[in-house]
Amino acid sequence: MRPPGPRRSDAWRLNAVRGVHTVIYLVMACAILAVLWAGLSGASGPWLWLAGALAAAEAVVFVASGMKCPLTGLASRYGMPPGGADTWLPERLTRHTLAVFGPLLALGVGLLALRTLRGG
């Protein structure tokens, strides 16, 4: 008889969720930093539209999910221990994601808006 605990398929699913979540996290961090860079430097190009669209989509997902990442709940369902990591990144790096990247995105968008209003 097997001892109680996560099934092997759940462990595989948890690893898959962590992997996908890690990639999404890194892409979104780059997108937000790109928006901030554009706001600070005035740089622009097609990459800015892509970064802005990704950041906007991420904001919609967070708002629609009650300001929580839906992948965290999925990771919990597949056996992530309470307070455990839902990415392969260090927890001390991801713990304050919303508190760090939210203001950075707002600053980048605000600076872009100011540049647009000033005509440059």
N, C-alpha and C. Protein backbone atom coordinates (compact mmCIF):
# COMPACT_ATOMS: atom_id res chain seq x y z
N MET A 1 0.84 -1.19 0.00
CA MET A 1 0.00 0.00 0.00
C MET A 1 0.88 1.25 0.00
N ARG A 2 0.52 2.21 -0.86
CA ARG A 2 1.28 3.45 -0.95
C ARG A 2 0.94 4.37 0.21
N PRO A 3 1.95 5.06 0.75
CA PRO A 3 1.64 6.04 1.80
C PRO A 3 0.90 7.22 1.19
N PRO A 4 0.09 7.91 2.02
CA PRO A 4 -0.63 9.08 1.50
C PRO A 4 0.36 10.17 1.09
N GLY A 5 -0.05 10.96 0.16
CA GLY A 5 0.79 12.06 -0.32
C GLY A 5 0.48 12.33 -1.78
N PRO A 6 1.22 13.25 -2.36
CA PRO A 6 0.93 13.59 -3.75
C PRO A 6 1.21 12.42 -4.68
N ARG A 7 0.37 12.27 -5.67
CA ARG A 7 0.60 11.24 -6.67
C ARG A 7 1.74 11.67 -7.58
N ARG A 8 2.33 10.70 -8.24
CA ARG A 8 3.42 11.00 -9.14
C ARG A 8 2.98 11.98 -10.23
N SER A 9 1.80 11.81 -10.75
CA SER A 9 1.33 12.71 -11.80
C SER A 9 1.16 14.13 -11.26
N ASP A 10 0.77 14.26 -9.99
CA ASP A 10 0.66 15.60 -9.40
C ASP A 10 2.04 16.25 -9.27
N ALA A 11 3.05 15.47 -8.93
CA ALA A 11 4.41 16.02 -8.83
C ALA A 11 4.87 16.51 -10.20
N TRP A 12 4.56 15.76 -11.25
CA TRP A 12 4.92 16.17 -12.59
C TRP A 12 4.18 17.44 -12.97
N ARG A 13 2.89 17.50 -12.64
CA ARG A 13 2.10 18.69 -12.95
C ARG A 13 2.61 19.91 -12.19
N LEU A 14 2.98 19.72 -10.93
CA LEU A 14 3.52 20.82 -10.14
C LEU A 14 4.81 21.34 -10.78
N ASN A 15 5.68 20.44 -11.20
CA ASN A 15 6.91 20.86 -11.88
C ASN A 15 6.60 21.61 -13.17
N ALA A 16 5.60 21.14 -13.91
CA ALA A 16 5.21 21.81 -15.16
C ALA A 16 4.67 23.21 -14.86
N VAL A 17 3.82 23.34 -13.84
CA VAL A 17 3.27 24.65 -13.47
C VAL A 17 4.41 25.57 -13.05
N ARG A 18 5.34 25.06 -12.26
CA ARG A 18 6.47 25.89 -11.84
C ARG A 18 7.31 26.34 -13.03
N GLY A 19 7.53 25.45 -13.97
CA GLY A 19 8.31 25.80 -15.15
C GLY A 19 7.62 26.86 -16.00
N VAL A 20 6.34 26.64 -16.28
CA VAL A 20 5.58 27.62 -17.08
C VAL A 20 5.50 28.95 -16.34
N HIS A 21 5.26 28.89 -15.04
CA HIS A 21 5.15 30.11 -14.24
C HIS A 21 6.48 30.88 -14.22
N THR A 22 7.58 30.16 -14.17
CA THR A 22 8.90 30.81 -14.19
C THR A 22 9.12 31.55 -15.50
N VAL A 23 8.79 30.91 -16.60
CA VAL A 23 8.95 31.56 -17.91
C VAL A 23 8.05 32.79 -18.00
N ILE A 24 6.79 32.65 -17.58
CA ILE A 24 5.87 33.80 -17.62
C ILE A 24 6.38 34.92 -16.73
N TYR A 25 6.86 34.59 -15.55
CA TYR A 25 7.38 35.59 -14.62
C TYR A 25 8.52 36.38 -15.27
N LEU A 26 9.46 35.67 -15.87
CA LEU A 26 10.62 36.34 -16.47
C LEU A 26 10.22 37.21 -17.66
N VAL A 27 9.31 36.70 -18.49
CA VAL A 27 8.84 37.48 -19.64
C VAL A 27 8.12 38.74 -19.15
N MET A 28 7.27 38.58 -18.14
CA MET A 28 6.52 39.74 -17.65
C MET A 28 7.44 40.75 -16.96
N ALA A 29 8.44 40.28 -16.23
CA ALA A 29 9.39 41.21 -15.61
C ALA A 29 10.12 42.01 -16.68
N CYS A 30 10.52 41.34 -17.76
CA CYS A 30 11.19 42.04 -18.86
C CYS A 30 10.25 43.04 -19.53
N ALA A 31 8.99 42.66 -19.71
CA ALA A 31 8.02 43.56 -20.34
C ALA A 31 7.82 44.82 -19.49
N ILE A 32 7.68 44.63 -18.19
CA ILE A 32 7.47 45.79 -17.31
C ILE A 32 8.70 46.67 -17.28
N LEU A 33 9.88 46.07 -17.25
CA LEU A 33 11.11 46.86 -17.26
C LEU A 33 11.28 47.58 -18.61
N ALA A 34 10.81 46.97 -19.69
CA ALA A 34 10.86 47.63 -21.00
C ALA A 34 9.95 48.86 -21.03
N VAL A 35 8.77 48.73 -20.45
CA VAL A 35 7.85 49.89 -20.38
C VAL A 35 8.49 50.99 -19.54
N LEU A 36 9.08 50.61 -18.42
CA LEU A 36 9.76 51.60 -17.57
C LEU A 36 10.91 52.26 -18.33
N TRP A 37 11.72 51.46 -19.02
CA TRP A 37 12.84 52.00 -19.79
C TRP A 37 12.35 53.00 -20.84
N ALA A 38 11.29 52.64 -21.53
CA ALA A 38 10.73 53.54 -22.54
C ALA A 38 10.27 54.85 -21.91
N GLY A 39 9.64 54.74 -20.75
CA GLY A 39 9.19 55.94 -20.06
C GLY A 39 10.33 56.83 -19.61
N LEU A 40 11.41 56.21 -19.16
CA LEU A 40 12.57 56.97 -18.68
C LEU A 40 13.40 57.55 -19.82
N SER A 41 13.57 56.78 -20.88
CA SER A 41 14.52 57.17 -21.92
C SER A 41 13.87 57.79 -23.16
N GLY A 42 12.59 57.55 -23.35
CA GLY A 42 11.93 58.02 -24.56
C GLY A 42 12.09 57.06 -25.73
N ALA A 43 12.76 55.93 -25.50
CA ALA A 43 12.93 54.93 -26.56
C ALA A 43 11.58 54.35 -26.93
N SER A 44 11.45 53.95 -28.18
CA SER A 44 10.20 53.33 -28.60
C SER A 44 10.46 52.44 -29.80
N GLY A 45 9.45 51.73 -30.19
CA GLY A 45 9.54 50.82 -31.32
C GLY A 45 8.46 49.76 -31.16
N PRO A 46 8.43 48.81 -32.06
CA PRO A 46 7.41 47.75 -31.98
C PRO A 46 7.48 46.97 -30.67
N TRP A 47 8.68 46.85 -30.12
CA TRP A 47 8.86 46.13 -28.86
C TRP A 47 8.07 46.79 -27.73
N LEU A 48 7.90 48.08 -27.79
CA LEU A 48 7.15 48.78 -26.73
C LEU A 48 5.68 48.40 -26.77
N TRP A 49 5.12 48.27 -27.97
CA TRP A 49 3.72 47.85 -28.09
C TRP A 49 3.55 46.44 -27.54
N LEU A 50 4.49 45.55 -27.85
CA LEU A 50 4.42 44.18 -27.35
C LEU A 50 4.54 44.17 -25.82
N ALA A 51 5.52 44.89 -25.29
CA ALA A 51 5.71 44.95 -23.85
C ALA A 51 4.48 45.54 -23.16
N GLY A 52 3.93 46.59 -23.73
CA GLY A 52 2.73 47.20 -23.15
C GLY A 52 1.54 46.27 -23.17
N ALA A 53 1.37 45.54 -24.27
CA ALA A 53 0.26 44.59 -24.36
C ALA A 53 0.42 43.46 -23.35
N LEU A 54 1.63 42.95 -23.21
CA LEU A 54 1.87 41.89 -22.22
C LEU A 54 1.61 42.40 -20.80
N ALA A 55 2.09 43.60 -20.49
CA ALA A 55 1.88 44.16 -19.16
C ALA A 55 0.40 44.41 -18.90
N ALA A 56 -0.32 44.88 -19.90
CA ALA A 56 -1.76 45.12 -19.73
C ALA A 56 -2.49 43.79 -19.51
N ALA A 57 -2.12 42.78 -20.27
CA ALA A 57 -2.75 41.46 -20.09
C ALA A 57 -2.48 40.92 -18.69
N GLU A 58 -1.27 41.10 -18.22
CA GLU A 58 -0.93 40.64 -16.86
C GLU A 58 -1.75 41.39 -15.81
N ALA A 59 -1.92 42.68 -16.00
CA ALA A 59 -2.72 43.47 -15.06
C ALA A 59 -4.16 42.98 -15.04
N VAL A 60 -4.71 42.70 -16.21
CA VAL A 60 -6.09 42.19 -16.29
C VAL A 60 -6.20 40.85 -15.57
N VAL A 61 -5.23 39.97 -15.78
CA VAL A 61 -5.26 38.66 -15.11
C VAL A 61 -5.21 38.84 -13.60
N PHE A 62 -4.34 39.70 -13.12
CA PHE A 62 -4.25 39.92 -11.67
C PHE A 62 -5.54 40.49 -11.10
N VAL A 63 -6.09 41.49 -11.75
CA VAL A 63 -7.33 42.09 -11.26
C VAL A 63 -8.46 41.07 -11.28
N ALA A 64 -8.57 40.32 -12.37
CA ALA A 64 -9.64 39.32 -12.49
C ALA A 64 -9.49 38.18 -11.48
N SER A 65 -8.27 37.98 -11.01
CA SER A 65 -8.01 36.89 -10.05
C SER A 65 -7.93 37.37 -8.61
N GLY A 66 -8.44 38.55 -8.35
CA GLY A 66 -8.43 39.06 -6.98
C GLY A 66 -7.05 39.46 -6.49
N MET A 67 -6.22 39.97 -7.40
CA MET A 67 -4.86 40.43 -7.11
C MET A 67 -3.95 39.27 -6.66
N LYS A 68 -4.26 38.08 -7.13
CA LYS A 68 -3.43 36.90 -6.87
C LYS A 68 -3.17 36.22 -8.20
N CYS A 69 -2.02 35.60 -8.31
CA CYS A 69 -1.72 34.88 -9.54
C CYS A 69 -2.49 33.56 -9.57
N PRO A 70 -3.22 33.30 -10.64
CA PRO A 70 -3.99 32.05 -10.71
C PRO A 70 -3.10 30.81 -10.75
N LEU A 71 -1.86 30.96 -11.17
CA LEU A 71 -0.97 29.81 -11.21
C LEU A 71 -0.54 29.36 -9.81
N THR A 72 -0.58 30.27 -8.85
CA THR A 72 -0.27 29.89 -7.48
C THR A 72 -1.31 28.91 -6.95
N GLY A 73 -2.58 29.18 -7.23
CA GLY A 73 -3.64 28.26 -6.83
C GLY A 73 -3.51 26.91 -7.52
N LEU A 74 -3.13 26.94 -8.78
CA LEU A 74 -2.95 25.69 -9.51
C LEU A 74 -1.78 24.89 -8.93
N ALA A 75 -0.70 25.57 -8.60
CA ALA A 75 0.44 24.89 -7.97
C ALA A 75 0.04 24.28 -6.63
N SER A 76 -0.77 24.98 -5.87
CA SER A 76 -1.24 24.44 -4.58
C SER A 76 -2.07 23.18 -4.79
N ARG A 77 -2.89 23.19 -5.83
CA ARG A 77 -3.72 22.03 -6.11
C ARG A 77 -2.87 20.79 -6.43
N TYR A 78 -1.70 21.01 -7.01
CA TYR A 78 -0.84 19.89 -7.39
C TYR A 78 0.22 19.58 -6.35
N GLY A 79 0.09 20.12 -5.14
CA GLY A 79 0.94 19.69 -4.05
C GLY A 79 1.97 20.66 -3.54
N MET A 80 1.93 21.91 -4.00
CA MET A 80 2.86 22.89 -3.45
C MET A 80 2.52 23.10 -1.97
N PRO A 81 3.50 22.96 -1.10
CA PRO A 81 3.21 23.15 0.33
C PRO A 81 2.83 24.61 0.62
N PRO A 82 2.04 24.84 1.66
CA PRO A 82 1.68 26.23 2.03
C PRO A 82 2.94 27.07 2.21
N GLY A 83 2.96 28.22 1.56
CA GLY A 83 4.12 29.09 1.64
C GLY A 83 5.26 28.65 0.74
N GLY A 84 5.04 27.60 -0.04
CA GLY A 84 6.09 27.09 -0.93
C GLY A 84 6.23 27.94 -2.18
N ALA A 85 7.24 27.63 -2.95
CA ALA A 85 7.52 28.38 -4.17
C ALA A 85 6.68 27.84 -5.32
N ASP A 86 6.08 28.75 -6.09
CA ASP A 86 5.29 28.34 -7.25
C ASP A 86 6.03 28.60 -8.55
N THR A 87 7.32 28.99 -8.45
CA THR A 87 8.21 29.12 -9.61
C THR A 87 9.52 28.44 -9.24
N TRP A 88 10.43 28.38 -10.18
CA TRP A 88 11.77 27.85 -9.89
C TRP A 88 12.71 28.96 -9.46
N LEU A 89 12.20 30.17 -9.31
CA LEU A 89 13.00 31.29 -8.85
C LEU A 89 13.01 31.31 -7.32
N PRO A 90 14.02 31.91 -6.71
CA PRO A 90 14.04 31.99 -5.24
C PRO A 90 12.82 32.73 -4.70
N GLU A 91 12.23 32.21 -3.67
CA GLU A 91 11.03 32.80 -3.08
C GLU A 91 11.29 34.24 -2.62
N ARG A 92 12.48 34.52 -2.13
CA ARG A 92 12.78 35.89 -1.67
C ARG A 92 12.75 36.88 -2.84
N LEU A 93 12.93 36.39 -4.07
CA LEU A 93 12.84 37.24 -5.24
C LEU A 93 11.40 37.48 -5.67
N THR A 94 10.56 36.46 -5.56
CA THR A 94 9.19 36.55 -6.07
C THR A 94 8.16 36.96 -5.02
N ARG A 95 8.54 36.96 -3.77
CA ARG A 95 7.59 37.21 -2.68
C ARG A 95 6.87 38.55 -2.81
N HIS A 96 7.55 39.57 -3.24
CA HIS A 96 6.97 40.91 -3.28
C HIS A 96 6.77 41.40 -4.72
N THR A 97 6.45 40.49 -5.60
CA THR A 97 6.32 40.81 -7.02
C THR A 97 5.36 41.96 -7.27
N LEU A 98 4.17 41.86 -6.75
CA LEU A 98 3.16 42.89 -7.01
C LEU A 98 3.58 44.24 -6.42
N ALA A 99 4.16 44.22 -5.22
CA ALA A 99 4.58 45.46 -4.57
C ALA A 99 5.75 46.13 -5.29
N VAL A 100 6.55 45.37 -6.02
CA VAL A 100 7.69 45.93 -6.74
C VAL A 100 7.29 46.29 -8.17
N PHE A 101 6.74 45.33 -8.89
CA PHE A 101 6.47 45.55 -10.31
C PHE A 101 5.24 46.41 -10.56
N GLY A 102 4.28 46.43 -9.65
CA GLY A 102 3.12 47.30 -9.82
C GLY A 102 3.51 48.78 -9.91
N PRO A 103 4.25 49.29 -8.94
CA PRO A 103 4.68 50.69 -9.02
C PRO A 103 5.63 50.97 -10.20
N LEU A 104 6.49 50.00 -10.55
CA LEU A 104 7.38 50.21 -11.69
C LEU A 104 6.58 50.35 -12.99
N LEU A 105 5.56 49.52 -13.13
CA LEU A 105 4.70 49.61 -14.32
C LEU A 105 3.94 50.93 -14.32
N ALA A 106 3.40 51.30 -13.18
CA ALA A 106 2.66 52.57 -13.09
C ALA A 106 3.57 53.75 -13.42
N LEU A 107 4.79 53.72 -12.93
CA LEU A 107 5.75 54.79 -13.21
C LEU A 107 6.07 54.83 -14.72
N GLY A 108 6.32 53.67 -15.30
CA GLY A 108 6.62 53.63 -16.73
C GLY A 108 5.47 54.14 -17.57
N VAL A 109 4.26 53.70 -17.27
CA VAL A 109 3.08 54.16 -18.01
C VAL A 109 2.87 55.66 -17.79
N GLY A 110 3.04 56.12 -16.57
CA GLY A 110 2.89 57.55 -16.28
C GLY A 110 3.89 58.39 -17.04
N LEU A 111 5.14 57.95 -17.09
CA LEU A 111 6.16 58.69 -17.84
C LEU A 111 5.87 58.68 -19.33
N LEU A 112 5.41 57.55 -19.84
CA LEU A 112 5.03 57.49 -21.26
C LEU A 112 3.87 58.44 -21.55
N ALA A 113 2.90 58.49 -20.64
CA ALA A 113 1.76 59.40 -20.82
C ALA A 113 2.23 60.85 -20.83
N LEU A 114 3.14 61.19 -19.91
CA LEU A 114 3.67 62.57 -19.89
C LEU A 114 4.41 62.89 -21.18
N ARG A 115 5.21 61.96 -21.67
CA ARG A 115 5.93 62.19 -22.91
C ARG A 115 4.97 62.39 -24.07
N THR A 116 3.90 61.60 -24.08
CA THR A 116 2.90 61.72 -25.15
C THR A 116 2.18 63.06 -25.09
N LEU A 117 1.80 63.45 -23.87
CA LEU A 117 1.10 64.73 -23.70
C LEU A 117 1.99 65.92 -24.07
N ARG A 118 3.27 65.78 -23.85
CA ARG A 118 4.21 66.87 -24.18
C ARG A 118 4.65 66.84 -25.65
N GLY A 119 4.19 65.80 -26.34
CA GLY A 119 4.48 65.73 -27.77
C GLY A 119 5.84 65.15 -28.11
N GLY A 120 6.40 64.37 -27.22
CA GLY A 120 7.71 63.84 -27.58
C GLY A 120 8.04 62.64 -26.82
